[in-house]
Amino acid sequence: MTRAGALHDGLKGVLGEVSWQRLPRAVQTRFAHPAVAVDYVGSFDIVRASTLGRLLARFCRLIGTPVVPKTGSHVPAVVHVSPSGDGVAWNREYRWPDSAASLVCSTKIVGTDGGLIEKLPARLCMPLEAYERNGVLHFVSRGYCFELGSRSTGKTLKIWLPSWVSPGTTHVEHEDEDNGWFRFTMTVTHPLFGEVFHQTGRFRAAGG
């Protein structure tokens, strides 16, 4: 089994058999290793950011846009899901009506310790706590670090960001809805300045 293919078992292992089985079957399927790329189309009801968030987003464009640099409402979007070299990529494409699209790329992998890690641009990594609550799948960040070196050789150096320097705690919810739709909600909360980013939207498989 490839490491990408192990993502399904990693989620199941982190959640535990009972919690995994409480997830709707559609959620289990979406988070299984995709054999081919899948696009989910829909729109974000709202994409907002505080003043600090907008400043962070502009700065982060220097390292590959790990957060979306604009705000708006009813923003058409596509979530591109595909196997990557060592995990499963969930890339969000925001199609702004008045400017070029923004692409935010991230890849979920299973770490050597069996935990989940979100890989972002510029070798920024975000270890994740994953859990199920009332049939909703949650991912919560457990800090941020820059990972230097080669993961394949096991020779890496992690430089952790202090909590007050980081964007804050990222909380993502994946909630299944009727007729093939799901809701993606992400909130980033800074320990000193409160909510920095928030976005929520509904998506379904293209052609579904």
N, C-alpha and C. Protein backbone atom coordinates (compact mmCIF):
# COMPACT_ATOMS: atom_id res chain seq x y z
N MET A 1 0.85 -1.20 0.00
CA MET A 1 0.00 0.00 0.00
C MET A 1 0.88 1.24 0.00
N THR A 2 0.56 2.21 -0.85
CA THR A 2 1.30 3.45 -0.87
C THR A 2 0.96 4.27 0.37
N ARG A 3 1.82 5.26 0.67
CA ARG A 3 1.53 6.13 1.80
C ARG A 3 0.25 6.91 1.54
N ALA A 4 0.02 7.27 0.27
CA ALA A 4 -1.23 7.96 -0.06
C ALA A 4 -2.42 7.07 0.23
N GLY A 5 -2.30 5.81 -0.15
CA GLY A 5 -3.38 4.88 0.10
C GLY A 5 -3.62 4.65 1.58
N ALA A 6 -2.59 4.86 2.39
CA ALA A 6 -2.72 4.65 3.82
C ALA A 6 -3.49 5.75 4.51
N LEU A 7 -3.81 6.86 3.79
CA LEU A 7 -4.53 7.95 4.44
C LEU A 7 -5.87 7.47 4.98
N HIS A 8 -6.57 6.64 4.22
CA HIS A 8 -7.86 6.12 4.68
C HIS A 8 -7.69 5.40 6.01
N ASP A 9 -6.73 4.48 6.09
CA ASP A 9 -6.50 3.73 7.32
C ASP A 9 -6.02 4.66 8.44
N GLY A 10 -5.24 5.72 8.07
CA GLY A 10 -4.78 6.66 9.08
C GLY A 10 -5.93 7.38 9.74
N LEU A 11 -6.87 7.85 8.96
CA LEU A 11 -8.05 8.51 9.51
C LEU A 11 -8.86 7.55 10.38
N LYS A 12 -9.03 6.35 9.85
CA LYS A 12 -9.79 5.35 10.60
C LYS A 12 -9.08 5.01 11.90
N GLY A 13 -7.75 4.93 11.84
CA GLY A 13 -6.98 4.63 13.04
C GLY A 13 -7.04 5.74 14.06
N VAL A 14 -6.98 6.99 13.60
CA VAL A 14 -7.04 8.13 14.51
C VAL A 14 -8.42 8.24 15.15
N LEU A 15 -9.45 8.06 14.34
CA LEU A 15 -10.81 8.19 14.86
C LEU A 15 -11.24 7.00 15.71
N GLY A 16 -10.75 5.82 15.38
CA GLY A 16 -11.21 4.60 16.01
C GLY A 16 -12.39 4.02 15.23
N GLU A 17 -12.55 2.73 15.31
CA GLU A 17 -13.56 2.03 14.52
C GLU A 17 -14.97 2.56 14.79
N VAL A 18 -15.30 2.80 16.05
CA VAL A 18 -16.66 3.23 16.38
C VAL A 18 -16.96 4.60 15.80
N SER A 19 -16.03 5.54 15.99
CA SER A 19 -16.24 6.89 15.46
C SER A 19 -16.25 6.89 13.94
N TRP A 20 -15.37 6.11 13.33
CA TRP A 20 -15.32 6.03 11.87
C TRP A 20 -16.66 5.54 11.31
N GLN A 21 -17.24 4.53 11.94
CA GLN A 21 -18.50 3.97 11.46
C GLN A 21 -19.67 4.94 11.67
N ARG A 22 -19.52 5.89 12.59
CA ARG A 22 -20.59 6.88 12.78
C ARG A 22 -20.59 7.93 11.67
N LEU A 23 -19.50 8.05 10.93
CA LEU A 23 -19.48 8.99 9.82
C LEU A 23 -20.38 8.49 8.70
N PRO A 24 -21.07 9.39 8.01
CA PRO A 24 -21.85 8.97 6.84
C PRO A 24 -20.96 8.28 5.82
N ARG A 25 -21.51 7.32 5.10
CA ARG A 25 -20.74 6.57 4.12
C ARG A 25 -20.12 7.49 3.07
N ALA A 26 -20.83 8.56 2.71
CA ALA A 26 -20.31 9.50 1.71
C ALA A 26 -19.03 10.17 2.20
N VAL A 27 -18.94 10.46 3.50
CA VAL A 27 -17.73 11.08 4.04
C VAL A 27 -16.59 10.07 4.02
N GLN A 28 -16.86 8.83 4.39
CA GLN A 28 -15.83 7.80 4.32
C GLN A 28 -15.29 7.67 2.90
N THR A 29 -16.19 7.72 1.92
CA THR A 29 -15.77 7.59 0.53
C THR A 29 -14.92 8.77 0.10
N ARG A 30 -15.30 9.99 0.48
CA ARG A 30 -14.54 11.17 0.07
C ARG A 30 -13.13 11.15 0.64
N PHE A 31 -12.97 10.57 1.82
CA PHE A 31 -11.66 10.60 2.45
C PHE A 31 -10.88 9.31 2.25
N ALA A 32 -11.41 8.40 1.43
CA ALA A 32 -10.61 7.26 0.99
C ALA A 32 -9.63 7.74 -0.07
N HIS A 33 -8.60 6.96 -0.31
CA HIS A 33 -7.62 7.33 -1.32
C HIS A 33 -8.25 7.33 -2.70
N PRO A 34 -8.28 8.47 -3.40
CA PRO A 34 -8.92 8.49 -4.73
C PRO A 34 -8.06 7.82 -5.78
N ALA A 35 -8.67 6.98 -6.58
CA ALA A 35 -7.93 6.34 -7.67
C ALA A 35 -7.62 7.34 -8.77
N VAL A 36 -8.50 8.29 -8.96
CA VAL A 36 -8.32 9.36 -9.95
C VAL A 36 -8.72 10.67 -9.30
N ALA A 37 -8.37 11.77 -9.96
CA ALA A 37 -8.73 13.08 -9.44
C ALA A 37 -10.24 13.28 -9.47
N VAL A 38 -10.74 13.96 -8.47
CA VAL A 38 -12.17 14.26 -8.36
C VAL A 38 -12.31 15.76 -8.09
N ASP A 39 -13.25 16.40 -8.78
CA ASP A 39 -13.55 17.80 -8.54
C ASP A 39 -14.90 17.93 -7.85
N TYR A 40 -14.95 18.77 -6.82
CA TYR A 40 -16.19 19.10 -6.14
C TYR A 40 -16.49 20.57 -6.42
N VAL A 41 -17.66 20.85 -6.95
CA VAL A 41 -18.01 22.21 -7.36
C VAL A 41 -19.09 22.77 -6.44
N GLY A 42 -19.06 24.08 -6.27
CA GLY A 42 -20.04 24.74 -5.43
C GLY A 42 -19.65 26.18 -5.24
N SER A 43 -19.92 26.72 -4.06
CA SER A 43 -19.56 28.10 -3.78
C SER A 43 -19.42 28.31 -2.28
N PHE A 44 -18.65 29.33 -1.94
CA PHE A 44 -18.52 29.73 -0.55
C PHE A 44 -19.57 30.80 -0.25
N ASP A 45 -20.40 30.54 0.75
CA ASP A 45 -21.38 31.54 1.17
C ASP A 45 -20.68 32.81 1.61
N ILE A 46 -19.60 32.62 2.35
CA ILE A 46 -18.85 33.76 2.88
C ILE A 46 -17.38 33.40 2.98
N VAL A 47 -16.53 34.32 2.63
CA VAL A 47 -15.08 34.23 2.86
C VAL A 47 -14.69 35.54 3.52
N ARG A 48 -14.40 35.50 4.81
CA ARG A 48 -14.09 36.75 5.50
C ARG A 48 -12.76 36.63 6.26
N ALA A 49 -12.20 37.79 6.57
CA ALA A 49 -10.95 37.86 7.30
C ALA A 49 -10.91 39.16 8.09
N SER A 50 -10.29 39.11 9.24
CA SER A 50 -10.09 40.33 10.02
C SER A 50 -9.00 41.18 9.37
N THR A 51 -8.77 42.35 9.92
CA THR A 51 -7.68 43.19 9.41
C THR A 51 -6.35 42.44 9.50
N LEU A 52 -6.12 41.78 10.64
CA LEU A 52 -4.90 40.98 10.79
C LEU A 52 -4.87 39.86 9.76
N GLY A 53 -5.99 39.22 9.54
CA GLY A 53 -6.05 38.14 8.56
C GLY A 53 -5.69 38.60 7.17
N ARG A 54 -6.22 39.76 6.78
CA ARG A 54 -5.91 40.28 5.44
C ARG A 54 -4.42 40.60 5.30
N LEU A 55 -3.83 41.13 6.37
CA LEU A 55 -2.39 41.40 6.34
C LEU A 55 -1.59 40.11 6.24
N LEU A 56 -1.99 39.10 7.01
CA LEU A 56 -1.31 37.81 6.96
C LEU A 56 -1.43 37.18 5.57
N ALA A 57 -2.62 37.28 4.99
CA ALA A 57 -2.84 36.69 3.67
C ALA A 57 -1.94 37.34 2.62
N ARG A 58 -1.80 38.66 2.69
CA ARG A 58 -0.92 39.34 1.74
C ARG A 58 0.53 38.93 1.93
N PHE A 59 0.95 38.84 3.18
CA PHE A 59 2.32 38.42 3.45
C PHE A 59 2.56 36.99 2.98
N CYS A 60 1.57 36.11 3.21
CA CYS A 60 1.73 34.70 2.88
C CYS A 60 1.78 34.44 1.37
N ARG A 61 1.40 35.41 0.56
CA ARG A 61 1.53 35.24 -0.88
C ARG A 61 3.00 35.08 -1.27
N LEU A 62 3.90 35.55 -0.40
CA LEU A 62 5.33 35.41 -0.67
C LEU A 62 5.81 33.97 -0.54
N ILE A 63 5.04 33.14 0.18
CA ILE A 63 5.45 31.75 0.39
C ILE A 63 4.47 30.77 -0.25
N GLY A 64 3.64 31.25 -1.19
CA GLY A 64 2.82 30.31 -1.94
C GLY A 64 1.35 30.27 -1.64
N THR A 65 0.80 31.30 -1.02
CA THR A 65 -0.63 31.43 -0.77
C THR A 65 -1.22 30.25 0.00
N PRO A 66 -0.79 30.03 1.25
CA PRO A 66 -1.43 28.99 2.07
C PRO A 66 -2.81 29.40 2.58
N VAL A 67 -3.13 30.70 2.50
CA VAL A 67 -4.47 31.17 2.83
C VAL A 67 -4.94 32.09 1.71
N VAL A 68 -6.26 32.12 1.49
CA VAL A 68 -6.80 32.88 0.38
C VAL A 68 -6.61 34.38 0.64
N PRO A 69 -6.18 35.18 -0.37
CA PRO A 69 -5.83 36.58 -0.14
C PRO A 69 -6.98 37.56 -0.31
N LYS A 70 -8.22 37.08 -0.54
CA LYS A 70 -9.34 37.98 -0.75
C LYS A 70 -10.52 37.54 0.11
N THR A 71 -11.52 38.40 0.16
CA THR A 71 -12.76 38.09 0.87
C THR A 71 -13.94 38.33 -0.07
N GLY A 72 -15.09 37.79 0.29
CA GLY A 72 -16.27 37.99 -0.54
C GLY A 72 -17.40 37.08 -0.09
N SER A 73 -18.50 37.15 -0.81
CA SER A 73 -19.65 36.29 -0.52
C SER A 73 -20.14 35.68 -1.83
N HIS A 74 -20.73 34.50 -1.71
CA HIS A 74 -21.24 33.75 -2.86
C HIS A 74 -20.14 33.61 -3.92
N VAL A 75 -18.99 33.09 -3.47
CA VAL A 75 -17.82 32.96 -4.34
C VAL A 75 -17.82 31.57 -4.97
N PRO A 76 -17.97 31.46 -6.29
CA PRO A 76 -17.88 30.14 -6.94
C PRO A 76 -16.51 29.52 -6.67
N ALA A 77 -16.49 28.21 -6.50
CA ALA A 77 -15.23 27.55 -6.15
C ALA A 77 -15.26 26.09 -6.60
N VAL A 78 -14.08 25.54 -6.74
CA VAL A 78 -13.90 24.12 -7.06
C VAL A 78 -12.88 23.55 -6.09
N VAL A 79 -13.18 22.41 -5.50
CA VAL A 79 -12.22 21.71 -4.64
C VAL A 79 -11.67 20.54 -5.45
N HIS A 80 -10.39 20.60 -5.75
CA HIS A 80 -9.73 19.55 -6.53
C HIS A 80 -9.10 18.54 -5.56
N VAL A 81 -9.54 17.30 -5.63
CA VAL A 81 -9.00 16.24 -4.77
C VAL A 81 -8.28 15.23 -5.65
N SER A 82 -7.03 14.92 -5.29
CA SER A 82 -6.25 14.02 -6.13
C SER A 82 -5.17 13.34 -5.31
N PRO A 83 -4.74 12.14 -5.74
CA PRO A 83 -3.58 11.51 -5.08
C PRO A 83 -2.33 12.31 -5.39
N SER A 84 -1.48 12.46 -4.38
CA SER A 84 -0.19 13.12 -4.58
C SER A 84 0.90 12.11 -4.26
N GLY A 85 2.15 12.57 -4.26
CA GLY A 85 3.24 11.61 -4.05
C GLY A 85 3.19 10.93 -2.71
N ASP A 86 2.72 11.63 -1.67
CA ASP A 86 2.75 11.04 -0.34
C ASP A 86 1.47 11.30 0.45
N GLY A 87 0.39 11.54 -0.24
CA GLY A 87 -0.86 11.79 0.47
C GLY A 87 -1.99 12.08 -0.50
N VAL A 88 -2.96 12.82 -0.03
CA VAL A 88 -4.10 13.21 -0.85
C VAL A 88 -4.22 14.73 -0.80
N ALA A 89 -4.20 15.36 -1.97
CA ALA A 89 -4.27 16.81 -2.06
C ALA A 89 -5.73 17.26 -2.07
N TRP A 90 -6.02 18.30 -1.30
CA TRP A 90 -7.31 18.98 -1.31
C TRP A 90 -7.01 20.44 -1.65
N ASN A 91 -7.13 20.80 -2.92
CA ASN A 91 -6.78 22.14 -3.38
C ASN A 91 -8.05 22.94 -3.69
N ARG A 92 -8.17 24.10 -3.08
CA ARG A 92 -9.36 24.93 -3.22
C ARG A 92 -9.10 26.06 -4.22
N GLU A 93 -9.93 26.12 -5.25
CA GLU A 93 -9.82 27.17 -6.26
C GLU A 93 -11.00 28.14 -6.11
N TYR A 94 -10.68 29.38 -5.75
CA TYR A 94 -11.69 30.42 -5.56
C TYR A 94 -11.79 31.22 -6.85
N ARG A 95 -12.96 31.27 -7.46
CA ARG A 95 -13.15 31.94 -8.74
C ARG A 95 -13.85 33.27 -8.53
N TRP A 96 -13.04 34.28 -8.25
CA TRP A 96 -13.56 35.61 -7.98
C TRP A 96 -14.18 36.20 -9.24
N PRO A 97 -15.33 36.84 -9.13
CA PRO A 97 -15.99 37.37 -10.33
C PRO A 97 -15.26 38.56 -10.95
N ASP A 98 -14.42 39.25 -10.16
CA ASP A 98 -13.80 40.48 -10.65
C ASP A 98 -12.28 40.40 -10.78
N SER A 99 -11.70 39.21 -10.62
CA SER A 99 -10.24 39.08 -10.72
C SER A 99 -9.87 37.63 -10.96
N ALA A 100 -8.58 37.38 -11.10
CA ALA A 100 -8.10 36.03 -11.36
C ALA A 100 -8.41 35.10 -10.18
N ALA A 101 -8.51 33.83 -10.48
CA ALA A 101 -8.79 32.84 -9.44
C ALA A 101 -7.61 32.72 -8.48
N SER A 102 -7.92 32.30 -7.25
CA SER A 102 -6.91 32.01 -6.24
C SER A 102 -6.91 30.52 -5.96
N LEU A 103 -5.72 29.93 -5.86
CA LEU A 103 -5.60 28.50 -5.59
C LEU A 103 -4.86 28.31 -4.27
N VAL A 104 -5.51 27.65 -3.33
CA VAL A 104 -4.91 27.32 -2.04
C VAL A 104 -4.67 25.82 -2.01
N CYS A 105 -3.41 25.43 -1.88
CA CYS A 105 -3.03 24.01 -1.98
C CYS A 105 -2.64 23.45 -0.63
N SER A 106 -3.10 22.25 -0.35
CA SER A 106 -2.68 21.54 0.85
C SER A 106 -2.82 20.05 0.60
N THR A 107 -2.02 19.28 1.32
CA THR A 107 -2.02 17.82 1.18
C THR A 107 -2.03 17.17 2.55
N LYS A 108 -2.95 16.26 2.76
CA LYS A 108 -2.99 15.50 4.00
C LYS A 108 -2.17 14.23 3.83
N ILE A 109 -1.28 13.99 4.79
CA ILE A 109 -0.47 12.78 4.77
C ILE A 109 -0.56 12.09 6.13
N VAL A 110 -0.15 10.86 6.17
CA VAL A 110 0.00 10.12 7.42
C VAL A 110 1.45 10.21 7.84
N GLY A 111 1.70 10.77 9.01
CA GLY A 111 3.07 10.91 9.51
C GLY A 111 3.64 9.58 9.97
N THR A 112 4.92 9.59 10.23
CA THR A 112 5.59 8.37 10.68
C THR A 112 5.07 7.88 12.03
N ASP A 113 4.45 8.80 12.80
CA ASP A 113 3.88 8.40 14.09
C ASP A 113 2.43 7.97 13.98
N GLY A 114 1.91 7.94 12.75
CA GLY A 114 0.52 7.53 12.54
C GLY A 114 -0.48 8.66 12.64
N GLY A 115 -0.01 9.88 12.94
CA GLY A 115 -0.90 11.02 13.02
C GLY A 115 -1.05 11.70 11.67
N LEU A 116 -2.02 12.59 11.57
CA LEU A 116 -2.27 13.31 10.34
C LEU A 116 -1.49 14.61 10.30
N ILE A 117 -1.01 14.96 9.12
CA ILE A 117 -0.29 16.21 8.92
C ILE A 117 -0.82 16.88 7.66
N GLU A 118 -1.05 18.17 7.75
CA GLU A 118 -1.43 18.96 6.58
C GLU A 118 -0.17 19.66 6.07
N LYS A 119 0.19 19.37 4.83
CA LYS A 119 1.35 20.01 4.21
C LYS A 119 0.89 21.20 3.39
N LEU A 120 1.49 22.36 3.65
CA LEU A 120 1.15 23.60 2.98
C LEU A 120 2.35 24.08 2.18
N PRO A 121 2.20 25.14 1.37
CA PRO A 121 3.35 25.65 0.61
C PRO A 121 4.52 26.04 1.50
N ALA A 122 5.69 26.14 0.89
CA ALA A 122 6.93 26.57 1.56
C ALA A 122 7.33 25.66 2.70
N ARG A 123 6.94 24.36 2.61
CA ARG A 123 7.31 23.36 3.62
C ARG A 123 6.73 23.66 4.99
N LEU A 124 5.63 24.41 4.99
CA LEU A 124 4.90 24.66 6.23
C LEU A 124 4.00 23.46 6.51
N CYS A 125 4.04 22.95 7.73
CA CYS A 125 3.26 21.76 8.10
C CYS A 125 2.37 22.08 9.30
N MET A 126 1.25 21.39 9.35
CA MET A 126 0.26 21.61 10.40
C MET A 126 -0.22 20.24 10.91
N PRO A 127 0.33 19.73 12.00
CA PRO A 127 -0.20 18.49 12.57
C PRO A 127 -1.67 18.67 12.94
N LEU A 128 -2.47 17.63 12.73
CA LEU A 128 -3.90 17.73 12.91
C LEU A 128 -4.42 16.74 13.95
N GLU A 129 -5.34 17.20 14.76
CA GLU A 129 -6.18 16.30 15.55
C GLU A 129 -7.45 16.08 14.75
N ALA A 130 -7.84 14.83 14.57
CA ALA A 130 -9.07 14.52 13.83
C ALA A 130 -10.04 13.81 14.76
N TYR A 131 -11.32 14.19 14.68
CA TYR A 131 -12.32 13.51 15.48
C TYR A 131 -13.69 13.64 14.83
N GLU A 132 -14.59 12.77 15.25
CA GLU A 132 -15.97 12.77 14.77
C GLU A 132 -16.88 13.25 15.89
N ARG A 133 -17.85 14.11 15.54
CA ARG A 133 -18.83 14.54 16.52
C ARG A 133 -20.17 14.70 15.82
N ASN A 134 -21.15 13.93 16.26
CA ASN A 134 -22.50 13.98 15.67
C ASN A 134 -22.47 13.79 14.16
N GLY A 135 -21.60 12.89 13.69
CA GLY A 135 -21.53 12.58 12.28
C GLY A 135 -20.74 13.57 11.44
N VAL A 136 -20.14 14.58 12.09
CA VAL A 136 -19.34 15.59 11.39
C VAL A 136 -17.86 15.30 11.63
N LEU A 137 -17.05 15.39 10.58
CA LEU A 137 -15.63 15.16 10.67
C LEU A 137 -14.93 16.49 10.95
N HIS A 138 -14.10 16.51 11.98
CA HIS A 138 -13.39 17.72 12.40
C HIS A 138 -11.88 17.52 12.27
N PHE A 139 -11.20 18.59 11.86
CA PHE A 139 -9.74 18.64 11.87
C PHE A 139 -9.33 19.91 12.61
N VAL A 140 -8.47 19.79 13.61
CA VAL A 140 -8.03 20.93 14.39
C VAL A 140 -6.51 20.94 14.43
N SER A 141 -5.92 22.08 14.09
CA SER A 141 -4.46 22.17 14.06
C SER A 141 -3.86 22.07 15.45
N ARG A 142 -2.67 21.51 15.52
CA ARG A 142 -1.93 21.40 16.78
C ARG A 142 -0.57 22.09 16.64
N GLY A 143 -0.60 23.28 16.08
CA GLY A 143 0.62 24.05 15.89
C GLY A 143 1.05 24.07 14.44
N TYR A 144 2.09 24.85 14.16
CA TYR A 144 2.63 24.99 12.81
C TYR A 144 4.14 24.90 12.88
N CYS A 145 4.72 24.28 11.87
CA CYS A 145 6.17 24.22 11.82
C CYS A 145 6.65 24.22 10.37
N PHE A 146 7.85 24.69 10.17
CA PHE A 146 8.52 24.54 8.89
C PHE A 146 9.40 23.29 8.99
N GLU A 147 9.22 22.39 8.04
CA GLU A 147 9.98 21.14 8.05
C GLU A 147 11.08 21.20 7.02
N LEU A 148 12.30 21.15 7.47
CA LEU A 148 13.46 21.20 6.59
C LEU A 148 14.08 19.82 6.48
N GLY A 149 14.73 19.55 5.37
CA GLY A 149 15.35 18.25 5.16
C GLY A 149 14.49 17.34 4.32
N SER A 150 14.76 16.05 4.37
CA SER A 150 14.07 15.06 3.53
C SER A 150 13.30 14.08 4.39
N ARG A 151 11.97 14.03 4.20
CA ARG A 151 11.17 13.08 4.96
C ARG A 151 11.47 11.65 4.52
N SER A 152 11.83 11.45 3.25
CA SER A 152 12.08 10.09 2.76
C SER A 152 13.29 9.46 3.43
N THR A 153 14.27 10.28 3.81
CA THR A 153 15.45 9.75 4.49
C THR A 153 15.32 9.78 6.00
N GLY A 154 14.28 10.47 6.48
CA GLY A 154 14.10 10.58 7.92
C GLY A 154 14.93 11.67 8.56
N LYS A 155 15.67 12.41 7.76
CA LYS A 155 16.52 13.48 8.28
C LYS A 155 15.82 14.81 8.07
N THR A 156 15.04 15.21 9.08
CA THR A 156 14.29 16.45 9.00
C THR A 156 14.51 17.28 10.26
N LEU A 157 14.33 18.57 10.09
CA LEU A 157 14.40 19.50 11.21
C LEU A 157 13.12 20.32 11.21
N LYS A 158 12.44 20.33 12.33
CA LYS A 158 11.19 21.07 12.44
C LYS A 158 11.41 22.34 13.25
N ILE A 159 11.03 23.46 12.66
CA ILE A 159 11.11 24.75 13.32
C ILE A 159 9.69 25.20 13.65
N TRP A 160 9.34 25.14 14.92
CA TRP A 160 7.96 25.41 15.34
C TRP A 160 7.74 26.91 15.52
N LEU A 161 6.57 27.37 15.10
CA LEU A 161 6.21 28.77 15.27
C LEU A 161 5.56 28.97 16.63
N PRO A 162 5.95 30.00 17.38
CA PRO A 162 5.23 30.32 18.61
C PRO A 162 3.76 30.61 18.29
N SER A 163 2.87 30.30 19.21
CA SER A 163 1.44 30.44 18.94
C SER A 163 1.06 31.87 18.57
N TRP A 164 1.72 32.85 19.18
CA TRP A 164 1.34 34.24 18.90
C TRP A 164 1.85 34.72 17.54
N VAL A 165 2.83 34.00 16.96
CA VAL A 165 3.34 34.34 15.63
C VAL A 165 2.51 33.65 14.55
N SER A 166 1.95 32.50 14.85
CA SER A 166 1.17 31.72 13.87
C SER A 166 -0.18 32.38 13.62
N PRO A 167 -0.88 31.97 12.55
CA PRO A 167 -2.23 32.52 12.31
C PRO A 167 -3.21 32.19 13.43
N GLY A 168 -2.96 31.11 14.17
CA GLY A 168 -3.86 30.68 15.22
C GLY A 168 -4.31 29.25 14.99
N THR A 169 -5.29 28.81 15.74
CA THR A 169 -5.81 27.45 15.62
C THR A 169 -6.77 27.36 14.45
N THR A 170 -6.47 26.43 13.54
CA THR A 170 -7.34 26.19 12.39
C THR A 170 -8.29 25.05 12.70
N HIS A 171 -9.58 25.29 12.52
CA HIS A 171 -10.60 24.27 12.77
C HIS A 171 -11.43 24.10 11.51
N VAL A 172 -11.37 22.91 10.92
CA VAL A 172 -12.11 22.59 9.70
C VAL A 172 -13.19 21.57 10.02
N GLU A 173 -14.39 21.80 9.51
CA GLU A 173 -15.50 20.86 9.67
C GLU A 173 -15.96 20.40 8.29
N HIS A 174 -16.14 19.10 8.15
CA HIS A 174 -16.65 18.50 6.92
C HIS A 174 -17.96 17.82 7.28
N GLU A 175 -19.08 18.43 6.84
CA GLU A 175 -20.41 17.96 7.23
C GLU A 175 -21.17 17.49 5.99
N ASP A 176 -21.63 16.25 6.02
CA ASP A 176 -22.37 15.71 4.89
C ASP A 176 -23.79 16.27 4.88
N GLU A 177 -24.29 16.56 3.66
CA GLU A 177 -25.66 17.03 3.49
C GLU A 177 -26.36 16.12 2.48
N ASP A 178 -27.61 16.42 2.20
CA ASP A 178 -28.40 15.55 1.33
C ASP A 178 -27.98 15.68 -0.13
N ASN A 179 -28.32 14.65 -0.91
CA ASN A 179 -28.17 14.66 -2.37
C ASN A 179 -26.73 14.89 -2.84
N GLY A 180 -25.79 14.32 -2.10
CA GLY A 180 -24.39 14.39 -2.52
C GLY A 180 -23.65 15.64 -2.12
N TRP A 181 -24.30 16.56 -1.45
CA TRP A 181 -23.65 17.81 -1.04
C TRP A 181 -22.93 17.63 0.30
N PHE A 182 -21.88 18.42 0.49
CA PHE A 182 -21.26 18.52 1.81
C PHE A 182 -20.91 19.97 2.08
N ARG A 183 -20.79 20.31 3.35
CA ARG A 183 -20.43 21.66 3.75
C ARG A 183 -19.01 21.65 4.33
N PHE A 184 -18.20 22.56 3.80
CA PHE A 184 -16.84 22.78 4.29
C PHE A 184 -16.83 24.10 5.05
N THR A 185 -16.39 24.06 6.32
CA THR A 185 -16.29 25.27 7.13
C THR A 185 -14.91 25.33 7.76
N MET A 186 -14.26 26.48 7.63
CA MET A 186 -12.94 26.65 8.23
C MET A 186 -12.92 27.96 9.02
N THR A 187 -12.45 27.87 10.26
CA THR A 187 -12.29 29.05 11.11
C THR A 187 -10.89 29.01 11.70
N VAL A 188 -10.20 30.14 11.62
CA VAL A 188 -8.87 30.27 12.21
C VAL A 188 -8.95 31.32 13.30
N THR A 189 -8.56 30.93 14.53
CA THR A 189 -8.69 31.80 15.69
C THR A 189 -7.34 32.03 16.34
N HIS A 190 -6.91 33.29 16.42
CA HIS A 190 -5.64 33.64 17.03
C HIS A 190 -5.80 33.71 18.55
N PRO A 191 -4.81 33.26 19.34
CA PRO A 191 -4.96 33.26 20.80
C PRO A 191 -5.09 34.65 21.41
N LEU A 192 -4.62 35.68 20.72
CA LEU A 192 -4.70 37.05 21.25
C LEU A 192 -5.74 37.91 20.54
N PHE A 193 -5.92 37.69 19.23
CA PHE A 193 -6.73 38.59 18.43
C PHE A 193 -8.06 38.00 17.95
N GLY A 194 -8.37 36.79 18.39
CA GLY A 194 -9.65 36.20 18.04
C GLY A 194 -9.71 35.69 16.62
N GLU A 195 -10.91 35.68 16.05
CA GLU A 195 -11.10 35.14 14.72
C GLU A 195 -10.29 35.92 13.68
N VAL A 196 -9.51 35.18 12.88
CA VAL A 196 -8.68 35.78 11.83
C VAL A 196 -9.27 35.48 10.45
N PHE A 197 -9.70 34.23 10.25
CA PHE A 197 -10.31 33.82 8.98
C PHE A 197 -11.55 32.99 9.27
N HIS A 198 -12.53 33.11 8.37
CA HIS A 198 -13.69 32.23 8.43
C HIS A 198 -14.26 32.10 7.03
N GLN A 199 -14.61 30.88 6.67
CA GLN A 199 -15.26 30.64 5.38
C GLN A 199 -16.10 29.37 5.48
N THR A 200 -17.20 29.37 4.74
CA THR A 200 -18.06 28.20 4.72
C THR A 200 -18.75 28.12 3.36
N GLY A 201 -18.90 26.91 2.85
CA GLY A 201 -19.54 26.73 1.55
C GLY A 201 -20.00 25.31 1.34
N ARG A 202 -20.81 25.10 0.29
CA ARG A 202 -21.38 23.80 -0.04
C ARG A 202 -20.85 23.33 -1.38
N PHE A 203 -20.57 22.01 -1.46
CA PHE A 203 -19.97 21.43 -2.66
C PHE A 203 -20.55 20.04 -2.91
N ARG A 204 -20.47 19.64 -4.18
CA ARG A 204 -20.82 18.26 -4.55
C ARG A 204 -19.94 17.86 -5.74
N ALA A 205 -19.84 16.57 -5.98
CA ALA A 205 -18.99 16.07 -7.06
C ALA A 205 -19.46 16.63 -8.40
N ALA A 206 -18.51 17.04 -9.22
CA ALA A 206 -18.83 17.57 -10.54
C ALA A 206 -19.59 16.51 -11.33
N GLY A 207 -20.67 16.90 -11.95
CA GLY A 207 -21.46 15.97 -12.74
C GLY A 207 -22.40 15.13 -11.92
N GLY A 208 -22.38 15.33 -10.59
CA GLY A 208 -23.23 14.52 -9.73
C GLY A 208 -24.65 15.04 -9.64
